[in-house]
Amino acid sequence: MATCKDCKYITPSPTGDPSKGVCIQARSELPKTQKTSTAIKGKMVKKSDEACDKFEGGESWKNIKDLL
């Protein structure tokens, strides 16, 4: 079974903990009156957790330096 660390929606933990990450798969469309079109609701997860039904395989962000 796939784990969260294998999912393209996992990003590095803001705390720097290598065993955790933020899942950003929960997206919603905003009204056209907003400046941005999409809202992203992040959720802290353990990278070793079993992947949810929103799993999409891909290259997750391996390094916080990629964000800088």
Protein backbone atom coordinates (compact mmCIF):
# COMPACT_ATOMS: atom_id res chain seq x y z
CA MET A 1 0.00 0.00 0.00
CA ALA A 2 1.24 3.49 -0.80
CA THR A 3 2.11 5.90 1.98
CA CYS A 4 1.79 9.68 2.20
CA LYS A 5 5.49 10.14 1.43
CA ASP A 6 4.85 8.67 -2.05
CA CYS A 7 2.10 11.19 -2.86
CA LYS A 8 2.61 14.31 -4.95
CA TYR A 9 0.49 16.31 -2.47
CA ILE A 10 2.92 16.07 0.46
CA THR A 11 5.13 19.07 1.21
CA PRO A 12 7.82 19.49 3.89
CA SER A 13 6.75 20.05 7.47
CA PRO A 14 7.06 23.71 8.49
CA THR A 15 8.61 22.52 11.76
CA GLY A 16 11.47 20.80 9.92
CA ASP A 17 10.46 17.34 11.20
CA PRO A 18 11.55 14.91 8.44
CA SER A 19 8.94 12.30 9.50
CA LYS A 20 6.00 14.67 8.94
CA GLY A 21 4.68 16.73 6.10
CA VAL A 22 1.71 18.82 5.03
CA CYS A 23 -0.93 17.29 2.78
CA ILE A 24 -2.24 19.92 0.33
CA GLN A 25 -4.73 17.81 -1.65
CA ALA A 26 -7.80 19.57 -0.17
CA ARG A 27 -8.41 22.35 -2.68
CA SER A 28 -11.54 24.36 -3.30
CA GLU A 29 -12.56 26.86 -5.94
CA LEU A 30 -13.16 30.44 -4.79
CA PRO A 31 -15.73 32.87 -6.17
CA LYS A 32 -14.62 34.88 -9.20
CA THR A 33 -14.66 38.02 -7.04
CA GLN A 34 -11.51 36.78 -5.25
CA LYS A 35 -8.00 37.60 -6.51
CA THR A 36 -6.99 33.93 -6.49
CA SER A 37 -9.09 31.10 -7.88
CA THR A 38 -8.12 28.27 -5.53
CA ALA A 39 -7.86 27.84 -1.75
CA ILE A 40 -5.58 25.12 -0.35
CA LYS A 41 -6.28 23.65 3.07
CA GLY A 42 -3.15 21.97 4.44
CA LYS A 43 -3.22 19.13 6.97
CA MET A 44 -0.22 17.84 8.95
CA VAL A 45 0.35 14.12 8.36
CA LYS A 46 3.00 11.53 9.14
CA LYS A 47 4.82 10.56 5.95
CA SER A 48 4.50 6.90 6.96
CA ASP A 49 0.66 7.07 7.13
CA GLU A 50 -1.28 4.91 4.71
CA ALA A 51 -2.26 7.01 1.70
CA CYS A 52 -5.84 8.25 1.50
CA ASP A 53 -8.27 7.88 -1.40
CA LYS A 54 -6.98 11.17 -2.88
CA PHE A 55 -3.52 9.62 -3.43
CA GLU A 56 -1.71 10.52 -6.62
CA GLY A 57 1.74 9.11 -7.14
CA GLY A 58 4.45 11.51 -8.08
CA GLU A 59 7.49 13.37 -6.93
CA SER A 60 6.77 14.82 -3.48
CA TRP A 61 8.85 17.76 -2.31
CA LYS A 62 11.87 16.17 -0.72
CA ASN A 63 13.66 19.24 0.59
CA ILE A 64 12.47 22.43 2.31
CA LYS A 65 15.16 24.29 0.30
CA ASP A 66 13.02 23.72 -2.80
CA LEU A 67 10.52 26.16 -1.33
CA LEU A 68 13.00 29.01 -0.82
